[in-house]
Amino acid sequence: MLPDIGEGIVECEVVEWRIQEGEAIAEDQPVVDVMTDKALVEITASEAGVMSKLHVAQGEIAKVHAPLYAYTPEAGVGEDAESGAAAGQPSTPAASAERAPMRETSSGGTEGVQGQGPYGRIPAAPAVRRLLREHGLSLEAVPGSGKQGRVLKEDVLNYLEQGGLEQGSSGQGAASASREKASAASQATSSASSAPSASSQGEVRVEPLRGVRAVMARRMVESASTIPHFQYGEEIDVTALLALRERLKPLAQAEGARLTLMPFFMKAMALAVREAPILNARLNDDVSEIHYLPSVNVGMAVDSRTGLLVPNVKGVERRSLLEVAAEVQRLTEAARSGKVAQEDLRDGTISISNIGALGGTYAAPIINAPELAIVAIGKTQWLPRFDAEDRVVKRAIMTVTWAGDHRVIDGGTIARFCNAWKGYLEDPESMLLHLG
């Protein structure tokens, strides 16, 4: 059964099966990767045995507490495995064949009886279901030749070519039109080695909005539509900060840490929160109370292969710069691989979006609710500035743009907070006076 992954998650997408039917599995061996609303989760085997059946195909949705896969325990290999029978599945290939009888077709061949996949559904890929919708066909009307009666694209095209729609209410004209559409679809999806027709312009590729991207879409719409955003921009001279980082990089490398600017941003933010604690607060559900949080858990937006993730470094105010750097490195690697832990995504209090890492200069970030503020950091540019003697000098200038929840944060508050944060970054040695 798919275990309870937590966080109120009731379903997830099967991303990749690591083990196929008939293969041996060892205890604690990764069996399948599933995508939840927040991250990629690895499901491992509870005991050793042999995989007998995959209940949910790759790309389909699995339900919590519903069958995910069936296996024969190691002690029962070669025997009549009761675990497979208990799940209502055949324990041998012969028994499986009995569940999928063959029948004669009009062309004299054989094909599988219409099967039932996980949760009583007929298996079919999203592209096949789309093709059926385009031709006004129901999935049940087309006999499937794939495993478990899976309906393949070829099954749909063959059905249309044989005039399957003539038996429906749409008549000969609809059948003829459908065959023409099927022929066009077949041409559009032919192999790259064959030359496309002059009128062919390809198909629209459809991808389901699931997992992290679906949650991001839902939460960003909710945040933008329910929270009045207040934007505030500033320039920060990070010339001294860049020089300090270069001096400290060899020392950090000797400790096994990669020292970027992010740990400095986070540490300075934790210090600035002491001067404006409301930036590290949140509203309760009925918007009647402000809860001032005891710990500064700074989130960082990471552009992962599964979508935008915002893991956070817990207790930045209590950690050394090296400890923050190690956490930033760990979370970045985990997020980019899509395997960040659930606890690393929870309980963030304020967030940083480093858009400058990709080359952006300005951004208007959307608050990661229920947090009250987020800052977008632009790329650092070497620009001319006047020094104290009115001479033009080259300085490293970084643009930042804040977004605050205007229900509780006003312009003066966010400006004072940003000034405190800016002061620590422009004179990084001053942070030494406040480190515990």
Protein backbone atom coordinates (compact mmCIF):
# COMPACT_ATOMS: atom_id res chain seq x y z
CA MET A 1 0.00 0.00 0.00
CA LEU A 2 1.15 3.55 -0.64
CA PRO A 3 2.05 4.78 2.87
CA ASP A 4 0.82 7.97 4.46
CA ILE A 5 3.48 10.48 3.40
CA GLY A 6 2.17 13.18 5.74
CA GLU A 7 1.30 16.85 5.25
CA GLY A 8 -2.28 15.86 4.39
CA ILE A 9 -1.20 14.36 1.06
CA VAL A 10 -3.81 11.93 -0.33
CA GLU A 11 -2.36 11.18 -3.76
CA CYS A 12 0.86 11.41 -5.72
CA GLU A 13 2.19 10.76 -9.21
CA VAL A 14 4.33 7.71 -9.97
CA VAL A 15 7.46 9.20 -11.54
CA GLU A 16 9.70 6.16 -12.01
CA TRP A 17 9.65 2.48 -11.14
CA ARG A 18 13.10 1.31 -10.08
CA ILE A 19 12.03 -2.36 -10.10
CA GLN A 20 10.04 -4.16 -12.78
CA GLU A 21 7.78 -7.20 -12.52
CA GLY A 22 9.71 -10.44 -12.03
CA GLU A 23 12.81 -8.73 -10.61
CA ALA A 24 14.19 -9.44 -7.15
CA ILE A 25 14.04 -6.75 -4.49
CA ALA A 26 16.11 -6.41 -1.34
CA GLU A 27 14.96 -5.00 1.97
CA ASP A 28 15.11 -1.19 2.03
CA GLN A 29 15.92 -1.10 -1.70
CA PRO A 30 14.37 1.87 -3.56
CA VAL A 31 11.35 0.59 -5.46
CA VAL A 32 9.59 3.65 -6.86
CA ASP A 33 9.85 7.45 -6.91
CA VAL A 34 6.58 9.33 -6.41
CA MET A 35 5.94 13.05 -6.73
CA THR A 36 3.85 14.65 -4.01
CA ASP A 37 2.59 18.21 -3.88
CA LYS A 38 5.92 19.28 -2.45
CA ALA A 39 8.76 16.97 -3.40
CA LEU A 40 9.96 13.71 -4.86
CA VAL A 41 9.63 10.87 -2.35
CA GLU A 42 11.48 7.57 -2.58
CA ILE A 43 9.49 4.47 -1.53
CA THR A 44 11.63 1.55 -0.36
CA ALA A 45 10.86 -2.15 0.01
CA SER A 46 9.77 -3.29 3.46
CA GLU A 47 11.28 -6.75 2.95
CA ALA A 48 13.10 -8.85 0.36
CA GLY A 49 11.25 -10.75 -2.34
CA VAL A 50 10.26 -10.75 -6.01
CA MET A 51 8.12 -8.08 -7.66
CA SER A 52 4.91 -9.68 -8.94
CA LYS A 53 2.80 -6.71 -10.03
CA LEU A 54 2.91 -2.94 -10.43
CA HIS A 55 -0.55 -1.63 -9.58
CA VAL A 56 0.03 1.94 -10.81
CA ALA A 57 1.67 2.68 -14.13
CA GLN A 58 4.38 5.29 -14.48
CA GLY A 59 2.81 8.72 -14.96
CA GLU A 60 -0.46 7.76 -13.28
CA ILE A 61 -1.80 8.83 -9.89
CA ALA A 62 -1.47 6.62 -6.82
CA LYS A 63 -3.75 7.02 -3.81
CA VAL A 64 -2.56 6.86 -0.21
CA HIS A 65 -3.54 3.54 1.46
CA ALA A 66 -4.37 2.03 -1.96
CA PRO A 67 -2.36 -0.80 -3.62
CA LEU A 68 0.94 0.40 -5.10
CA TYR A 69 2.67 -2.88 -5.93
CA ALA A 70 2.53 -6.58 -5.06
CA TYR A 71 5.47 -8.85 -4.31
CA THR A 72 6.26 -12.39 -3.22
CA PRO A 73 8.26 -12.39 0.03
CA GLU A 74 11.68 -14.02 -0.12
CA ALA A 75 10.51 -16.97 1.99
CA GLY A 76 7.64 -17.63 -0.44
CA VAL A 77 9.52 -17.40 -3.75
CA GLY A 78 8.55 -20.37 -5.89
CA GLU A 79 5.55 -21.11 -3.70
CA ASP A 80 1.93 -20.01 -3.85
CA ALA A 81 2.53 -16.55 -2.38
CA GLU A 82 -0.31 -15.62 -0.10
CA SER A 83 0.65 -11.94 -0.14
CA GLY A 84 -0.06 -11.68 -3.86
CA ALA A 85 -3.37 -13.52 -3.47
CA ALA A 86 -4.37 -11.33 -0.56
CA ALA A 87 -3.99 -8.30 -2.77
CA GLY A 88 -6.31 -9.93 -5.30
CA GLN A 89 -3.48 -10.51 -7.80
CA PRO A 90 -2.24 -13.69 -9.52
CA SER A 91 0.88 -15.18 -7.96
CA THR A 92 2.10 -16.83 -11.17
CA PRO A 93 2.30 -15.83 -14.84
CA ALA A 94 -0.20 -18.59 -15.66
CA ALA A 95 -2.73 -17.16 -13.25
CA SER A 96 -2.14 -13.75 -14.75
CA ALA A 97 -2.87 -15.13 -18.19
CA GLU A 98 -6.16 -16.55 -16.93
CA ARG A 99 -7.19 -13.06 -15.86
CA ALA A 100 -6.56 -11.76 -19.41
CA PRO A 101 -8.32 -14.18 -21.81
CA MET A 102 -7.85 -13.81 -25.55
CA ARG A 103 -10.61 -13.39 -28.11
CA GLU A 104 -10.96 -13.52 -31.87
CA THR A 105 -10.90 -10.27 -33.85
CA SER A 106 -12.57 -9.52 -37.16
CA SER A 107 -9.21 -9.82 -38.91
CA GLY A 108 -8.65 -13.33 -37.65
CA GLY A 109 -6.07 -12.39 -35.00
CA THR A 110 -6.36 -12.21 -31.25
CA GLU A 111 -6.31 -9.34 -28.81
CA GLY A 112 -6.73 -8.87 -25.08
CA VAL A 113 -10.13 -8.42 -23.56
CA GLN A 114 -10.74 -4.88 -22.34
CA GLY A 115 -8.82 -4.79 -19.07
CA GLN A 116 -9.06 -2.91 -15.84
CA GLY A 117 -6.06 -1.05 -14.44
CA PRO A 118 -5.55 0.44 -10.98
CA TYR A 119 -8.75 1.51 -9.19
CA GLY A 120 -10.97 0.00 -11.90
CA ARG A 121 -9.70 2.30 -14.64
CA ILE A 122 -8.82 1.14 -18.15
CA PRO A 123 -5.12 1.90 -18.63
CA ALA A 124 -4.33 4.52 -21.29
CA ALA A 125 -1.70 7.23 -21.66
CA PRO A 126 -2.76 10.93 -21.53
CA ALA A 127 -1.99 11.29 -25.26
CA VAL A 128 -4.32 8.38 -26.05
CA ARG A 129 -7.11 9.83 -23.91
CA ARG A 130 -6.70 13.14 -25.72
CA LEU A 131 -6.93 11.38 -29.11
CA LEU A 132 -10.13 9.67 -27.98
CA ARG A 133 -11.63 13.00 -26.91
CA GLU A 134 -10.73 14.57 -30.26
CA HIS A 135 -12.70 11.87 -32.08
CA GLY A 136 -15.61 11.70 -29.65
CA LEU A 137 -14.81 8.16 -28.55
CA SER A 138 -15.15 6.61 -25.12
CA LEU A 139 -12.25 4.62 -23.71
CA GLU A 140 -14.53 1.60 -23.22
CA ALA A 141 -15.41 1.49 -26.93
CA VAL A 142 -11.85 0.70 -28.11
CA PRO A 143 -10.43 -2.79 -27.41
CA GLY A 144 -6.97 -2.52 -25.91
CA SER A 145 -4.10 -4.72 -27.05
CA GLY A 146 -1.61 -3.65 -24.39
CA LYS A 147 -0.88 -5.14 -21.00
CA GLN A 148 -3.94 -5.29 -18.69
CA GLY A 149 -6.02 -4.32 -21.71
CA ARG A 150 -4.15 -1.03 -22.00
CA VAL A 151 -5.47 1.04 -24.92
CA LEU A 152 -2.63 2.10 -27.20
CA LYS A 153 -2.58 4.83 -29.82
CA GLU A 154 -2.44 2.16 -32.53
CA ASP A 155 -5.64 0.65 -31.12
CA VAL A 156 -7.47 3.95 -31.53
CA LEU A 157 -6.18 4.52 -35.07
CA ASN A 158 -7.04 0.95 -36.11
CA TYR A 159 -10.53 1.33 -34.63
CA LEU A 160 -11.09 4.51 -36.60
CA GLU A 161 -9.71 3.03 -39.83
CA GLN A 162 -12.07 0.06 -39.49
CA GLY A 163 -15.03 2.45 -39.27
CA GLY A 164 -15.70 1.90 -35.58
CA LEU A 165 -17.72 5.09 -35.42
CA GLU A 166 -20.19 3.84 -38.01
CA GLN A 167 -21.97 1.98 -35.22
CA GLY A 168 -22.40 5.19 -33.26
CA SER A 169 -24.93 7.93 -33.62
CA SER A 170 -22.64 10.16 -35.69
CA GLY A 171 -23.10 8.16 -38.93
CA GLN A 172 -20.97 7.74 -42.03
CA GLY A 173 -19.94 11.38 -42.30
CA ALA A 174 -18.53 11.46 -38.77
CA ALA A 175 -16.70 8.18 -39.37
CA SER A 176 -15.14 9.50 -42.56
CA ALA A 177 -14.12 12.75 -40.89
CA SER A 178 -12.67 10.85 -37.97
CA ARG A 179 -10.63 8.62 -40.27
CA GLU A 180 -9.24 11.73 -41.95
CA LYS A 181 -8.32 13.22 -38.56
CA ALA A 182 -6.74 9.93 -37.52
CA SER A 183 -4.66 9.89 -40.69
CA ALA A 184 -3.48 13.45 -40.00
CA ALA A 185 -2.63 12.55 -36.41
CA SER A 186 -0.69 9.53 -37.61
CA GLN A 187 1.33 11.69 -39.98
CA ALA A 188 2.05 14.25 -37.27
CA THR A 189 3.45 11.60 -34.94
CA SER A 190 5.45 9.60 -37.51
CA SER A 191 9.14 8.97 -36.86
CA ALA A 192 11.71 11.73 -37.38
CA SER A 193 13.28 9.78 -40.25
CA SER A 194 10.23 10.25 -42.48
CA ALA A 195 9.70 13.60 -44.20
CA PRO A 196 6.65 15.52 -42.88
CA SER A 197 3.94 16.62 -45.28
CA ALA A 198 3.82 20.23 -46.43
CA SER A 199 0.68 20.94 -44.38
CA SER A 200 1.87 19.19 -41.22
CA GLN A 201 2.66 21.56 -38.36
CA GLY A 202 2.98 19.03 -35.56
CA GLU A 203 0.87 18.44 -32.49
CA VAL A 204 0.40 20.48 -29.36
CA ARG A 205 2.24 18.71 -26.58
CA VAL A 206 0.04 18.33 -23.50
CA GLU A 207 1.58 17.82 -20.09
CA PRO A 208 -0.52 17.39 -16.93
CA LEU A 209 0.03 20.08 -14.29
CA ARG A 210 0.93 17.95 -11.30
CA GLY A 211 3.15 17.74 -8.26
CA VAL A 212 5.22 20.78 -7.28
CA ARG A 213 4.18 22.83 -10.31
CA ALA A 214 0.50 22.32 -9.55
CA VAL A 215 0.98 23.40 -5.94
CA MET A 216 3.07 26.41 -6.99
CA ALA A 217 0.33 27.49 -9.41
CA ARG A 218 -2.35 27.16 -6.74
CA ARG A 219 -0.38 28.87 -3.97
CA MET A 220 0.87 31.75 -6.12
CA VAL A 221 -2.66 32.55 -7.29
CA GLU A 222 -3.89 32.38 -3.71
CA SER A 223 -1.05 34.57 -2.43
CA ALA A 224 -1.36 37.18 -5.17
CA SER A 225 -5.16 37.39 -4.87
CA THR A 226 -5.50 37.38 -1.07
CA ILE A 227 -2.41 39.28 0.14
CA PRO A 228 -1.98 43.00 -0.63
CA HIS A 229 1.65 43.15 -1.74
CA PHE A 230 3.82 46.16 -0.94
CA GLN A 231 6.98 46.46 -3.07
CA TYR A 232 10.18 48.18 -1.94
CA GLY A 233 13.46 48.40 -3.88
CA GLU A 234 17.02 49.27 -2.86
CA GLU A 235 20.62 49.13 -4.07
CA ILE A 236 23.31 47.54 -1.90
CA ASP A 237 27.06 48.05 -2.33
CA VAL A 238 28.54 44.57 -1.82
CA THR A 239 32.13 45.42 -2.75
CA ALA A 240 33.43 44.77 0.77
CA LEU A 241 31.28 41.63 1.07
CA LEU A 242 32.76 40.15 -2.11
CA ALA A 243 36.27 40.86 -0.84
CA LEU A 244 35.52 39.24 2.52
CA ARG A 245 34.07 36.16 0.86
CA GLU A 246 37.19 35.74 -1.29
CA ARG A 247 39.34 35.84 1.85
CA LEU A 248 37.16 33.30 3.65
CA LYS A 249 36.59 30.88 0.75
CA PRO A 250 39.84 28.89 1.26
CA LEU A 251 39.08 28.52 4.98
CA ALA A 252 35.55 27.33 4.22
CA GLN A 253 36.81 24.86 1.60
CA ALA A 254 39.20 23.42 4.17
CA GLU A 255 36.14 22.72 6.31
CA GLY A 256 34.33 21.10 3.37
CA ALA A 257 31.88 24.00 2.84
CA ARG A 258 31.20 26.00 -0.32
CA LEU A 259 30.93 29.65 0.67
CA THR A 260 28.55 31.62 -1.55
CA LEU A 261 26.92 34.97 -0.80
CA MET A 262 23.68 33.29 0.35
CA PRO A 263 24.95 32.44 3.88
CA PHE A 264 25.88 36.11 4.36
CA PHE A 265 22.44 37.22 3.15
CA MET A 266 20.78 34.83 5.60
CA LYS A 267 22.96 35.67 8.57
CA ALA A 268 22.52 39.42 8.05
CA MET A 269 18.77 38.88 7.75
CA ALA A 270 18.63 37.01 11.06
CA LEU A 271 20.42 39.93 12.73
CA ALA A 272 18.16 42.54 11.10
CA VAL A 273 15.06 40.68 12.33
CA ARG A 274 15.98 41.73 15.87
CA GLU A 275 15.33 45.34 14.87
CA ALA A 276 12.05 44.57 13.04
CA PRO A 277 10.67 41.27 14.40
CA ILE A 278 7.38 41.69 12.55
CA LEU A 279 9.20 40.70 9.33
CA ASN A 280 9.61 37.26 10.91
CA ALA A 281 5.98 36.92 12.03
CA ARG A 282 2.78 35.57 10.52
CA LEU A 283 -0.96 36.05 10.82
CA ASN A 284 -3.25 33.42 12.29
CA ASP A 285 -5.90 31.77 10.13
CA ASP A 286 -8.70 34.25 10.88
CA VAL A 287 -6.35 37.25 10.58
CA SER A 288 -7.01 38.36 14.14
CA GLU A 289 -3.53 37.85 15.67
CA ILE A 290 0.13 38.39 14.77
CA HIS A 291 2.39 35.53 15.86
CA TYR A 292 6.03 36.55 16.39
CA LEU A 293 8.13 33.46 15.66
CA PRO A 294 11.02 32.49 17.94
CA SER A 295 13.33 31.24 15.18
CA VAL A 296 14.48 32.73 11.87
CA ASN A 297 14.05 29.98 9.28
CA VAL A 298 15.21 31.56 6.03
CA GLY A 299 13.86 29.99 2.86
CA MET A 300 15.61 30.11 -0.49
CA ALA A 301 13.88 29.60 -3.82
CA VAL A 302 15.55 26.84 -5.86
CA ASP A 303 14.81 26.21 -9.53
CA SER A 304 14.65 22.40 -9.42
CA ARG A 305 13.85 19.89 -12.15
CA THR A 306 10.44 19.36 -10.58
CA GLY A 307 9.54 23.03 -10.26
CA LEU A 308 10.17 25.84 -7.79
CA LEU A 309 10.99 24.62 -4.28
CA VAL A 310 11.65 26.77 -1.21
CA PRO A 311 13.55 24.78 1.43
CA ASN A 312 14.63 26.72 4.49
CA VAL A 313 17.61 26.81 6.82
CA LYS A 314 16.31 26.38 10.35
CA GLY A 315 17.51 28.60 13.20
CA VAL A 316 19.86 30.83 11.20
CA GLU A 317 20.33 33.10 14.24
CA ARG A 318 21.89 30.19 16.17
CA ARG A 319 24.16 28.86 13.44
CA SER A 320 27.68 29.92 12.47
CA LEU A 321 28.39 31.14 8.96
CA LEU A 322 29.98 27.79 8.14
CA GLU A 323 26.96 25.89 9.42
CA VAL A 324 24.62 28.04 7.34
CA ALA A 325 26.84 27.51 4.27
CA ALA A 326 26.75 23.73 4.78
CA GLU A 327 22.95 23.78 5.07
CA VAL A 328 22.60 25.95 1.96
CA GLN A 329 24.75 23.51 0.00
CA ARG A 330 22.83 20.47 1.27
CA LEU A 331 19.40 21.96 0.57
CA THR A 332 20.38 23.21 -2.89
CA GLU A 333 21.62 19.79 -3.96
CA ALA A 334 18.56 18.06 -2.52
CA ALA A 335 16.13 20.50 -4.14
CA ARG A 336 17.75 20.34 -7.58
CA SER A 337 17.57 16.56 -7.51
CA GLY A 338 13.91 16.78 -6.44
CA LYS A 339 14.54 14.81 -3.24
CA VAL A 340 14.35 17.48 -0.56
CA ALA A 341 12.90 16.20 2.71
CA GLN A 342 9.45 17.32 3.84
CA GLU A 343 10.80 18.82 7.07
CA ASP A 344 13.14 21.07 5.07
CA LEU A 345 10.13 22.61 3.32
CA ARG A 346 8.10 23.28 6.46
CA ASP A 347 8.05 26.21 8.89
CA GLY A 348 9.82 28.85 6.80
CA THR A 349 9.52 32.35 8.24
CA ILE A 350 11.03 34.64 5.56
CA SER A 351 12.34 33.90 2.05
CA ILE A 352 15.07 34.92 -0.41
CA SER A 353 14.76 34.54 -4.19
CA ASN A 354 18.16 34.89 -5.83
CA ILE A 355 17.00 35.73 -9.34
CA GLY A 356 20.41 37.28 -9.99
CA ALA A 357 21.96 33.81 -10.19
CA LEU A 358 20.19 33.49 -13.57
CA GLY A 359 21.02 37.01 -14.71
CA GLY A 360 18.00 39.05 -13.63
CA THR A 361 18.39 42.57 -12.25
CA TYR A 362 14.91 43.38 -10.95
CA ALA A 363 11.92 41.26 -9.91
CA ALA A 364 8.60 41.67 -8.12
CA PRO A 365 8.43 38.52 -5.97
CA ILE A 366 5.21 36.98 -4.67
CA ILE A 367 5.08 36.24 -0.94
CA ASN A 368 5.38 32.61 0.08
CA ALA A 369 2.35 32.52 2.38
CA PRO A 370 1.94 32.33 5.35
CA GLU A 371 5.19 34.30 5.51
CA LEU A 372 4.90 38.09 5.54
CA ALA A 373 7.90 39.07 3.40
CA ILE A 374 10.20 37.94 0.61
CA VAL A 375 13.18 39.58 -1.10
CA ALA A 376 14.36 39.12 -4.69
CA ILE A 377 18.10 39.59 -5.16
CA GLY A 378 19.28 40.82 -8.55
CA LYS A 379 22.63 40.20 -10.18
CA THR A 380 25.66 42.12 -8.95
CA GLN A 381 26.99 44.69 -11.44
CA TRP A 382 30.20 46.69 -11.39
CA LEU A 383 29.01 50.29 -11.74
CA PRO A 384 30.53 53.77 -11.37
CA ARG A 385 29.81 55.56 -8.10
CA PHE A 386 31.09 58.67 -6.33
CA ASP A 387 33.22 58.15 -3.23
CA ALA A 388 33.52 60.50 -0.22
CA GLU A 389 35.93 62.75 -2.17
CA ASP A 390 33.58 62.92 -5.18
CA ARG A 391 35.84 60.68 -7.25
CA VAL A 392 34.31 58.12 -9.60
CA VAL A 393 35.11 54.61 -8.42
CA LYS A 394 34.10 51.10 -9.47
CA ARG A 395 31.72 49.44 -7.02
CA ALA A 396 29.80 46.14 -6.94
CA ILE A 397 26.12 47.09 -6.82
CA MET A 398 23.35 44.60 -6.13
CA THR A 399 19.66 45.46 -6.53
CA VAL A 400 17.08 44.01 -4.15
CA THR A 401 13.28 44.15 -4.27
CA TRP A 402 11.14 43.39 -1.24
CA ALA A 403 7.52 42.33 -1.14
CA GLY A 404 5.70 42.73 2.18
CA ASP A 405 2.22 41.86 3.36
CA HIS A 406 0.64 45.30 3.52
CA ARG A 407 -1.97 44.12 6.03
CA VAL A 408 0.67 44.27 8.77
CA ILE A 409 3.85 45.69 7.19
CA ASP A 410 4.00 49.32 6.11
CA GLY A 411 6.58 51.15 4.03
CA GLY A 412 8.47 52.58 6.99
CA THR A 413 8.84 49.19 8.65
CA ILE A 414 10.21 47.42 5.59
CA ALA A 415 12.51 50.37 4.82
CA ARG A 416 14.01 50.29 8.34
CA PHE A 417 14.44 46.52 8.15
CA CYS A 418 16.10 46.76 4.74
CA ASN A 419 18.43 49.50 5.98
CA ALA A 420 19.55 47.30 8.89
CA TRP A 421 20.08 44.35 6.56
CA LYS A 422 21.91 46.58 4.07
CA GLY A 423 24.18 47.89 6.81
CA TYR A 424 25.39 44.39 7.71
CA LEU A 425 26.00 43.52 4.05
CA GLU A 426 27.84 46.73 3.17
CA ASP A 427 30.01 46.45 6.31
CA PRO A 428 30.12 42.68 6.87
CA GLU A 429 32.69 42.85 9.66
CA SER A 430 30.06 44.64 11.76
CA MET A 431 28.20 41.34 12.03
CA LEU A 432 30.99 40.10 14.30
CA LEU A 433 29.76 42.43 17.05
CA HIS A 434 26.42 40.65 17.18
CA LEU A 435 27.32 36.98 16.67
CA GLY A 436 26.55 34.81 19.67
